[in-house]
Amino acid sequence: MTSAGPLFVLILVGLLGLFFFGFLLVRRTLVGLREGYEDGKR
Protein backbone atom coordinates (compact mmCIF):
# COMPACT_ATOMS: atom_id res chain seq x y z
CA MET A 1 0.00 0.00 0.00
CA THR A 2 2.87 2.40 0.66
CA SER A 3 4.13 2.13 -2.92
CA ALA A 4 0.66 2.91 -4.35
CA GLY A 5 0.42 6.23 -2.50
CA PRO A 6 3.21 8.16 -4.23
CA LEU A 7 2.31 6.61 -7.59
CA PHE A 8 -1.30 7.70 -7.21
CA VAL A 9 -0.21 11.25 -6.29
CA LEU A 10 2.13 11.35 -9.28
CA ILE A 11 -0.62 10.24 -11.66
CA LEU A 12 -3.05 12.76 -10.14
CA VAL A 13 -0.56 15.61 -10.52
CA GLY A 14 0.10 14.57 -14.12
CA LEU A 15 -3.61 14.54 -14.94
CA LEU A 16 -4.12 17.93 -13.30
CA GLY A 17 -1.19 19.32 -15.28
CA LEU A 18 -2.64 18.01 -18.54
CA PHE A 19 -6.06 19.43 -17.69
CA PHE A 20 -4.55 22.83 -16.86
CA PHE A 21 -2.47 22.82 -20.07
CA GLY A 22 -5.53 21.92 -22.14
CA PHE A 23 -7.58 24.64 -20.49
CA LEU A 24 -4.92 27.27 -21.25
CA LEU A 25 -4.62 26.03 -24.85
CA VAL A 26 -8.38 26.20 -25.45
CA ARG A 27 -8.63 29.59 -23.77
CA ARG A 28 -5.80 31.01 -25.89
CA THR A 29 -7.38 29.60 -29.04
CA LEU A 30 -10.79 31.10 -28.26
CA VAL A 31 -9.30 34.50 -27.41
CA GLY A 32 -7.33 34.45 -30.67
CA LEU A 33 -10.39 33.52 -32.69
CA ARG A 34 -12.43 36.29 -31.09
CA GLU A 35 -9.72 38.86 -31.74
CA GLY A 36 -9.42 37.71 -35.35
CA TYR A 37 -13.17 37.92 -35.80
CA GLU A 38 -13.31 41.43 -34.36
CA ASP A 39 -10.40 42.56 -36.54
CA GLY A 40 -12.17 41.10 -39.58
CA LYS A 41 -15.33 43.05 -38.83
CA ARG A 42 -13.41 46.34 -38.81
PDB file of N, CA and C in Angstrom:
ATOM      1  N   MET A   1       0.822  -1.201   0.000  1.00  0.00           N
ATOM      2  CA  MET A   1       0.000   0.000   0.000  1.00  0.00           C
ATOM      3  C   MET A   1       0.867   1.266   0.000  1.00  0.00           C
ATOM      4  N   THR A   2       2.032   1.206   0.599  1.00  0.00           N
ATOM      5  CA  THR A   2       2.874   2.405   0.657  1.00  0.00           C
ATOM      6  C   THR A   2       3.399   2.783  -0.716  1.00  0.00           C
ATOM      7  N   SER A   3       3.619   1.795  -1.599  1.00  0.00           N
ATOM      8  CA  SER A   3       4.131   2.134  -2.925  1.00  0.00           C
ATOM      9  C   SER A   3       3.029   2.680  -3.829  1.00  0.00           C
ATOM     10  N   ALA A   4       1.755   2.403  -3.513  1.00  0.00           N
ATOM     11  CA  ALA A   4       0.660   2.905  -4.349  1.00  0.00           C
ATOM     12  C   ALA A   4       0.368   4.372  -4.047  1.00  0.00           C
ATOM     13  N   GLY A   5       0.693   4.847  -2.858  1.00  0.00           N
ATOM     14  CA  GLY A   5       0.417   6.233  -2.495  1.00  0.00           C
ATOM     15  C   GLY A   5       1.142   7.237  -3.359  1.00  0.00           C
ATOM     16  N   PRO A   6       2.476   7.200  -3.391  1.00  0.00           N
ATOM     17  CA  PRO A   6       3.214   8.165  -4.227  1.00  0.00           C
ATOM     18  C   PRO A   6       2.888   8.029  -5.711  1.00  0.00           C
ATOM     19  N   LEU A   7       2.653   6.808  -6.174  1.00  0.00           N
ATOM     20  CA  LEU A   7       2.313   6.614  -7.587  1.00  0.00           C
ATOM     21  C   LEU A   7       0.973   7.265  -7.905  1.00  0.00           C
ATOM     22  N   PHE A   8       0.011   7.089  -7.012  1.00  0.00           N
ATOM     23  CA  PHE A   8      -1.304   7.704  -7.211  1.00  0.00           C
ATOM     24  C   PHE A   8      -1.197   9.224  -7.242  1.00  0.00           C
ATOM     25  N   VAL A   9      -0.394   9.790  -6.329  1.00  0.00           N
ATOM     26  CA  VAL A   9      -0.213  11.248  -6.290  1.00  0.00           C
ATOM     27  C   VAL A   9       0.456  11.721  -7.573  1.00  0.00           C
ATOM     28  N   LEU A  10       1.439  10.972  -8.048  1.00  0.00           N
ATOM     29  CA  LEU A  10       2.134  11.355  -9.277  1.00  0.00           C
ATOM     30  C   LEU A  10       1.181  11.347 -10.473  1.00  0.00           C
ATOM     31  N   ILE A  11       0.342  10.317 -10.562  1.00  0.00           N
ATOM     32  CA  ILE A  11      -0.624  10.244 -11.663  1.00  0.00           C
ATOM     33  C   ILE A  11      -1.638  11.383 -11.559  1.00  0.00           C
ATOM     34  N   LEU A  12      -2.085  11.677 -10.339  1.00  0.00           N
ATOM     35  CA  LEU A  12      -3.054  12.755 -10.141  1.00  0.00           C
ATOM     36  C   LEU A  12      -2.462  14.103 -10.542  1.00  0.00           C
ATOM     37  N   VAL A  13      -1.212  14.348 -10.150  1.00  0.00           N
ATOM     38  CA  VAL A  13      -0.559  15.610 -10.519  1.00  0.00           C
ATOM     39  C   VAL A  13      -0.381  15.695 -12.034  1.00  0.00           C
ATOM     40  N   GLY A  14      -0.037  14.581 -12.664  1.00  0.00           N
ATOM     41  CA  GLY A  14       0.100  14.570 -14.117  1.00  0.00           C
ATOM     42  C   GLY A  14      -1.209  14.879 -14.819  1.00  0.00           C
ATOM     43  N   LEU A  15      -2.300  14.282 -14.336  1.00  0.00           N
ATOM     44  CA  LEU A  15      -3.605  14.543 -14.939  1.00  0.00           C
ATOM     45  C   LEU A  15      -4.031  15.992 -14.735  1.00  0.00           C
ATOM     46  N   LEU A  16      -3.778  16.529 -13.547  1.00  0.00           N
ATOM     47  CA  LEU A  16      -4.123  17.933 -13.301  1.00  0.00           C
ATOM     48  C   LEU A  16      -3.301  18.858 -14.195  1.00  0.00           C
ATOM     49  N   GLY A  17      -2.028  18.514 -14.392  1.00  0.00           N
ATOM     50  CA  GLY A  17      -1.189  19.316 -15.284  1.00  0.00           C
ATOM     51  C   GLY A  17      -1.687  19.293 -16.713  1.00  0.00           C
ATOM     52  N   LEU A  18      -2.097  18.110 -17.183  1.00  0.00           N
ATOM     53  CA  LEU A  18      -2.639  18.006 -18.542  1.00  0.00           C
ATOM     54  C   LEU A  18      -3.933  18.789 -18.669  1.00  0.00           C
ATOM     55  N   PHE A  19      -4.791  18.697 -17.652  1.00  0.00           N
ATOM     56  CA  PHE A  19      -6.057  19.429 -17.686  1.00  0.00           C
ATOM     57  C   PHE A  19      -5.809  20.938 -17.729  1.00  0.00           C
ATOM     58  N   PHE A  20      -4.864  21.405 -16.904  1.00  0.00           N
ATOM     59  CA  PHE A  20      -4.553  22.830 -16.865  1.00  0.00           C
ATOM     60  C   PHE A  20      -3.963  23.293 -18.196  1.00  0.00           C
ATOM     61  N   PHE A  21      -3.064  22.485 -18.780  1.00  0.00           N
ATOM     62  CA  PHE A  21      -2.467  22.820 -20.072  1.00  0.00           C
ATOM     63  C   PHE A  21      -3.532  22.890 -21.157  1.00  0.00           C
ATOM     64  N   GLY A  22      -4.453  21.919 -21.151  1.00  0.00           N
ATOM     65  CA  GLY A  22      -5.531  21.916 -22.144  1.00  0.00           C
ATOM     66  C   GLY A  22      -6.434  23.122 -21.985  1.00  0.00           C
ATOM     67  N   PHE A  23      -6.731  23.484 -20.727  1.00  0.00           N
ATOM     68  CA  PHE A  23      -7.576  24.645 -20.489  1.00  0.00           C
ATOM     69  C   PHE A  23      -6.916  25.916 -21.022  1.00  0.00           C
ATOM     70  N   LEU A  24      -5.611  26.081 -20.759  1.00  0.00           N
ATOM     71  CA  LEU A  24      -4.919  27.268 -21.255  1.00  0.00           C
ATOM     72  C   LEU A  24      -4.868  27.286 -22.778  1.00  0.00           C
ATOM     73  N   LEU A  25      -4.684  26.100 -23.393  1.00  0.00           N
ATOM     74  CA  LEU A  25      -4.620  26.029 -24.848  1.00  0.00           C
ATOM     75  C   LEU A  25      -5.960  26.411 -25.468  1.00  0.00           C
ATOM     76  N   VAL A  26      -7.049  25.876 -24.924  1.00  0.00           N
ATOM     77  CA  VAL A  26      -8.380  26.197 -25.451  1.00  0.00           C
ATOM     78  C   VAL A  26      -8.701  27.665 -25.237  1.00  0.00           C
ATOM     79  N   ARG A  27      -8.352  28.194 -24.064  1.00  0.00           N
ATOM     80  CA  ARG A  27      -8.631  29.595 -23.773  1.00  0.00           C
ATOM     81  C   ARG A  27      -7.869  30.522 -24.726  1.00  0.00           C
ATOM     82  N   ARG A  28      -6.589  30.182 -24.969  1.00  0.00           N
ATOM     83  CA  ARG A  28      -5.799  31.006 -25.887  1.00  0.00           C
ATOM     84  C   ARG A  28      -6.357  30.943 -27.304  1.00  0.00           C
ATOM     85  N   THR A  29      -6.813  29.754 -27.704  1.00  0.00           N
ATOM     86  CA  THR A  29      -7.379  29.597 -29.044  1.00  0.00           C
ATOM     87  C   THR A  29      -8.657  30.416 -29.194  1.00  0.00           C
ATOM     88  N   LEU A  30      -9.530  30.358 -28.183  1.00  0.00           N
ATOM     89  CA  LEU A  30     -10.788  31.100 -28.264  1.00  0.00           C
ATOM     90  C   LEU A  30     -10.554  32.599 -28.259  1.00  0.00           C
ATOM     91  N   VAL A  31      -9.608  33.069 -27.441  1.00  0.00           N
ATOM     92  CA  VAL A  31      -9.303  34.504 -27.412  1.00  0.00           C
ATOM     93  C   VAL A  31      -8.742  34.938 -28.768  1.00  0.00           C
ATOM     94  N   GLY A  32      -7.882  34.117 -29.358  1.00  0.00           N
ATOM     95  CA  GLY A  32      -7.326  34.453 -30.667  1.00  0.00           C
ATOM     96  C   GLY A  32      -8.387  34.476 -31.753  1.00  0.00           C
ATOM     97  N   LEU A  33      -9.314  33.535 -31.701  1.00  0.00           N
ATOM     98  CA  LEU A  33     -10.392  33.520 -32.687  1.00  0.00           C
ATOM     99  C   LEU A  33     -11.286  34.746 -32.542  1.00  0.00           C
ATOM    100  N   ARG A  34     -11.582  35.117 -31.304  1.00  0.00           N
ATOM    101  CA  ARG A  34     -12.434  36.289 -31.087  1.00  0.00           C
ATOM    102  C   ARG A  34     -11.741  37.558 -31.569  1.00  0.00           C
ATOM    103  N   GLU A  35     -10.445  37.672 -31.285  1.00  0.00           N
ATOM    104  CA  GLU A  35      -9.721  38.859 -31.737  1.00  0.00           C
ATOM    105  C   GLU A  35      -9.660  38.901 -33.258  1.00  0.00           C
ATOM    106  N   GLY A  36      -9.448  37.746 -33.881  1.00  0.00           N
ATOM    107  CA  GLY A  36      -9.416  37.708 -35.348  1.00  0.00           C
ATOM    108  C   GLY A  36     -10.760  38.063 -35.948  1.00  0.00           C
ATOM    109  N   TYR A  37     -11.831  37.616 -35.316  1.00  0.00           N
ATOM    110  CA  TYR A  37     -13.170  37.922 -35.803  1.00  0.00           C
ATOM    111  C   TYR A  37     -13.467  39.417 -35.668  1.00  0.00           C
ATOM    112  N   GLU A  38     -13.057  40.005 -34.542  1.00  0.00           N
ATOM    113  CA  GLU A  38     -13.308  41.432 -34.357  1.00  0.00           C
ATOM    114  C   GLU A  38     -12.446  42.273 -35.303  1.00  0.00           C
ATOM    115  N   ASP A  39     -11.228  41.836 -35.584  1.00  0.00           N
ATOM    116  CA  ASP A  39     -10.400  42.559 -36.545  1.00  0.00           C
ATOM    117  C   ASP A  39     -10.974  42.436 -37.941  1.00  0.00           C
ATOM    118  N   GLY A  40     -11.570  41.286 -38.251  1.00  0.00           N
ATOM    119  CA  GLY A  40     -12.170  41.103 -39.577  1.00  0.00           C
ATOM    120  C   GLY A  40     -13.420  41.949 -39.766  1.00  0.00           C
ATOM    121  N   LYS A  41     -14.121  42.225 -38.696  1.00  0.00           N
ATOM    122  CA  LYS A  41     -15.329  43.053 -38.826  1.00  0.00           C
ATOM    123  C   LYS A  41     -14.967  44.510 -39.097  1.00  0.00           C
ATOM    124  N   ARG A  42     -13.795  44.940 -38.625  1.00  0.00           N
ATOM    125  CA  ARG A  42     -13.406  46.338 -38.813  1.00  0.00           C
ATOM    126  C   ARG A  42     -12.847  46.586 -40.188  1.00  0.00           C
TER     127      ARG A  42
END
